[in-house]
């Protein structure tokens, strides 16, 4: 998503969101997907969104608490 106006540090900025989809497959069982999102102006936005998507996909297998 893009062109979202929000307040950051007392200033109005125009930014967007990073959206990530992650699919975890365990061979012989099945696959689960998870999504993650973060503000595009965050310096670690891609890393945060990717980690969130991975944890959500793993939680479907009961692995989320280990990450």
N, C-alpha and C. Protein backbone atom coordinates (compact mmCIF):
# COMPACT_ATOMS: atom_id res chain seq x y z
N UNK A 1 0.85 -1.17 0.00
CA UNK A 1 0.00 0.00 0.00
C UNK A 1 0.90 1.23 0.00
N UNK A 2 0.45 2.28 -0.60
CA UNK A 2 1.26 3.49 -0.66
C UNK A 2 0.40 4.72 -0.44
N UNK A 3 1.07 5.84 -0.27
CA UNK A 3 0.43 7.14 -0.08
C UNK A 3 -0.49 7.19 1.13
N UNK A 4 0.02 6.75 2.26
CA UNK A 4 -0.69 6.83 3.53
C UNK A 4 -0.06 7.96 4.33
N UNK A 5 -0.86 8.91 4.78
CA UNK A 5 -0.35 10.01 5.59
C UNK A 5 -0.48 9.63 7.05
N UNK A 6 0.62 9.76 7.81
CA UNK A 6 0.59 9.45 9.23
C UNK A 6 1.55 10.37 9.98
N UNK A 7 1.41 10.40 11.29
CA UNK A 7 2.27 11.23 12.14
C UNK A 7 3.44 10.38 12.64
N UNK A 8 4.65 10.94 12.53
CA UNK A 8 5.84 10.29 13.05
C UNK A 8 6.73 11.37 13.63
N UNK A 9 7.05 11.24 14.91
CA UNK A 9 7.87 12.23 15.62
C UNK A 9 7.30 13.64 15.51
N UNK A 10 5.98 13.74 15.57
CA UNK A 10 5.32 15.05 15.53
C UNK A 10 5.19 15.66 14.15
N UNK A 11 5.60 14.95 13.11
CA UNK A 11 5.53 15.45 11.75
C UNK A 11 4.60 14.58 10.92
N UNK A 12 3.91 15.20 9.98
CA UNK A 12 3.05 14.47 9.07
C UNK A 12 3.90 13.99 7.89
N UNK A 13 3.90 12.67 7.65
CA UNK A 13 4.68 12.12 6.55
C UNK A 13 3.78 11.26 5.67
N UNK A 14 4.17 11.12 4.40
CA UNK A 14 3.47 10.24 3.47
C UNK A 14 4.36 9.01 3.29
N UNK A 15 3.80 7.86 3.56
CA UNK A 15 4.57 6.62 3.49
C UNK A 15 3.67 5.51 2.97
N UNK A 16 4.09 4.30 3.10
CA UNK A 16 3.32 3.14 2.68
C UNK A 16 3.58 1.98 3.63
N UNK A 17 3.04 0.84 3.29
CA UNK A 17 3.23 -0.36 4.11
C UNK A 17 3.94 -1.42 3.28
N UNK A 18 4.77 -2.20 3.95
CA UNK A 18 5.41 -3.36 3.34
C UNK A 18 4.56 -4.56 3.74
N UNK A 19 4.13 -5.33 2.76
CA UNK A 19 3.33 -6.53 3.01
C UNK A 19 4.11 -7.75 2.52
N UNK A 20 4.27 -8.76 3.38
CA UNK A 20 5.05 -9.96 3.06
C UNK A 20 4.19 -11.19 3.30
N UNK A 21 4.27 -12.15 2.39
CA UNK A 21 3.62 -13.45 2.57
C UNK A 21 4.71 -14.51 2.61
N UNK A 22 4.62 -15.41 3.58
CA UNK A 22 5.60 -16.48 3.74
C UNK A 22 4.86 -17.81 3.80
N UNK A 23 5.35 -18.80 3.07
CA UNK A 23 4.78 -20.14 3.11
C UNK A 23 5.83 -21.10 3.64
N UNK A 24 5.47 -21.85 4.68
CA UNK A 24 6.36 -22.86 5.27
C UNK A 24 5.79 -24.23 4.92
N UNK A 25 6.62 -25.08 4.34
CA UNK A 25 6.20 -26.42 3.95
C UNK A 25 7.04 -27.45 4.69
N UNK A 26 6.38 -28.39 5.33
CA UNK A 26 7.05 -29.54 5.93
C UNK A 26 6.76 -30.72 5.00
N UNK A 27 7.82 -31.21 4.37
CA UNK A 27 7.69 -32.26 3.36
C UNK A 27 6.97 -33.47 3.97
N UNK A 28 5.97 -33.96 3.27
CA UNK A 28 5.22 -35.11 3.73
C UNK A 28 4.01 -34.74 4.57
N UNK A 29 3.91 -33.49 5.00
CA UNK A 29 2.75 -33.07 5.79
C UNK A 29 1.92 -32.08 4.97
N UNK A 30 2.12 -30.80 5.17
CA UNK A 30 1.36 -29.78 4.46
C UNK A 30 2.07 -28.45 4.55
N UNK A 31 1.45 -27.43 3.97
CA UNK A 31 2.01 -26.08 3.97
C UNK A 31 1.08 -25.13 4.70
N UNK A 32 1.66 -24.11 5.31
CA UNK A 32 0.89 -23.04 5.94
C UNK A 32 1.52 -21.71 5.54
N UNK A 33 0.68 -20.70 5.40
CA UNK A 33 1.14 -19.36 5.03
C UNK A 33 0.88 -18.39 6.16
N UNK A 34 1.69 -17.35 6.21
CA UNK A 34 1.52 -16.28 7.17
C UNK A 34 1.81 -14.95 6.50
N UNK A 35 1.30 -13.88 7.06
CA UNK A 35 1.53 -12.55 6.50
C UNK A 35 2.18 -11.66 7.55
N UNK A 36 2.91 -10.67 7.07
CA UNK A 36 3.54 -9.69 7.94
C UNK A 36 3.44 -8.32 7.30
N UNK A 37 3.43 -7.28 8.12
CA UNK A 37 3.35 -5.92 7.59
C UNK A 37 4.07 -4.96 8.51
N UNK A 38 4.60 -3.90 7.90
CA UNK A 38 5.34 -2.87 8.64
C UNK A 38 5.33 -1.60 7.81
N UNK A 39 5.59 -0.47 8.46
CA UNK A 39 5.66 0.81 7.75
C UNK A 39 6.90 0.83 6.86
N UNK A 40 6.76 1.35 5.64
CA UNK A 40 7.86 1.41 4.67
C UNK A 40 8.96 2.37 5.10
N UNK A 41 8.63 3.38 5.91
CA UNK A 41 9.64 4.34 6.33
C UNK A 41 10.47 3.84 7.51
N UNK A 42 10.14 2.68 8.06
CA UNK A 42 10.93 2.08 9.14
C UNK A 42 12.22 1.52 8.54
N UNK A 43 13.33 1.84 9.14
CA UNK A 43 14.62 1.41 8.60
C UNK A 43 14.77 -0.12 8.59
N UNK A 44 14.10 -0.83 9.49
CA UNK A 44 14.12 -2.29 9.51
C UNK A 44 12.77 -2.88 9.12
N UNK A 45 12.02 -2.16 8.31
CA UNK A 45 10.67 -2.56 7.95
C UNK A 45 10.59 -3.91 7.26
N UNK A 46 11.46 -4.16 6.29
CA UNK A 46 11.42 -5.42 5.56
C UNK A 46 11.76 -6.59 6.48
N UNK A 47 12.76 -6.42 7.32
CA UNK A 47 13.15 -7.47 8.26
C UNK A 47 12.02 -7.78 9.23
N UNK A 48 11.38 -6.75 9.76
CA UNK A 48 10.28 -6.94 10.71
C UNK A 48 9.09 -7.63 10.07
N UNK A 49 8.73 -7.20 8.86
CA UNK A 49 7.59 -7.81 8.16
C UNK A 49 7.88 -9.26 7.81
N UNK A 50 9.10 -9.54 7.37
CA UNK A 50 9.49 -10.90 7.02
C UNK A 50 9.46 -11.81 8.25
N UNK A 51 10.00 -11.34 9.36
CA UNK A 51 10.01 -12.13 10.60
C UNK A 51 8.60 -12.40 11.10
N UNK A 52 7.74 -11.39 11.01
CA UNK A 52 6.35 -11.54 11.45
C UNK A 52 5.63 -12.58 10.60
N UNK A 53 5.82 -12.54 9.28
CA UNK A 53 5.18 -13.51 8.39
C UNK A 53 5.68 -14.93 8.67
N UNK A 54 6.99 -15.08 8.87
CA UNK A 54 7.57 -16.39 9.15
C UNK A 54 7.03 -16.97 10.46
N UNK A 55 6.98 -16.14 11.51
CA UNK A 55 6.46 -16.61 12.81
C UNK A 55 5.00 -17.01 12.71
N UNK A 56 4.21 -16.25 11.97
CA UNK A 56 2.79 -16.59 11.81
C UNK A 56 2.60 -17.89 11.04
N UNK A 57 3.41 -18.12 10.01
CA UNK A 57 3.32 -19.37 9.26
C UNK A 57 3.73 -20.55 10.13
N UNK A 58 4.78 -20.39 10.92
CA UNK A 58 5.26 -21.47 11.80
C UNK A 58 4.30 -21.76 12.94
N UNK A 59 3.57 -20.74 13.38
CA UNK A 59 2.65 -20.95 14.51
C UNK A 59 1.52 -21.92 14.14
N UNK A 60 1.21 -22.04 12.85
CA UNK A 60 0.19 -23.01 12.41
C UNK A 60 0.64 -24.44 12.67
N UNK A 61 1.95 -24.66 12.71
CA UNK A 61 2.50 -25.98 13.03
C UNK A 61 2.79 -26.13 14.52
N UNK A 62 2.56 -25.07 15.30
CA UNK A 62 2.87 -25.10 16.72
C UNK A 62 4.32 -24.75 17.00
N UNK A 63 5.02 -24.20 16.01
CA UNK A 63 6.44 -23.86 16.16
C UNK A 63 6.67 -22.40 16.52
N UNK A 64 5.65 -21.58 16.48
CA UNK A 64 5.79 -20.15 16.68
C UNK A 64 6.43 -19.74 17.99
N UNK A 65 6.14 -20.43 19.05
CA UNK A 65 6.68 -20.04 20.36
C UNK A 65 8.18 -20.25 20.47
N UNK A 66 8.75 -21.09 19.60
CA UNK A 66 10.18 -21.35 19.63
C UNK A 66 10.98 -20.28 18.91
N UNK A 67 10.29 -19.42 18.15
CA UNK A 67 10.96 -18.35 17.42
C UNK A 67 10.70 -17.06 18.12
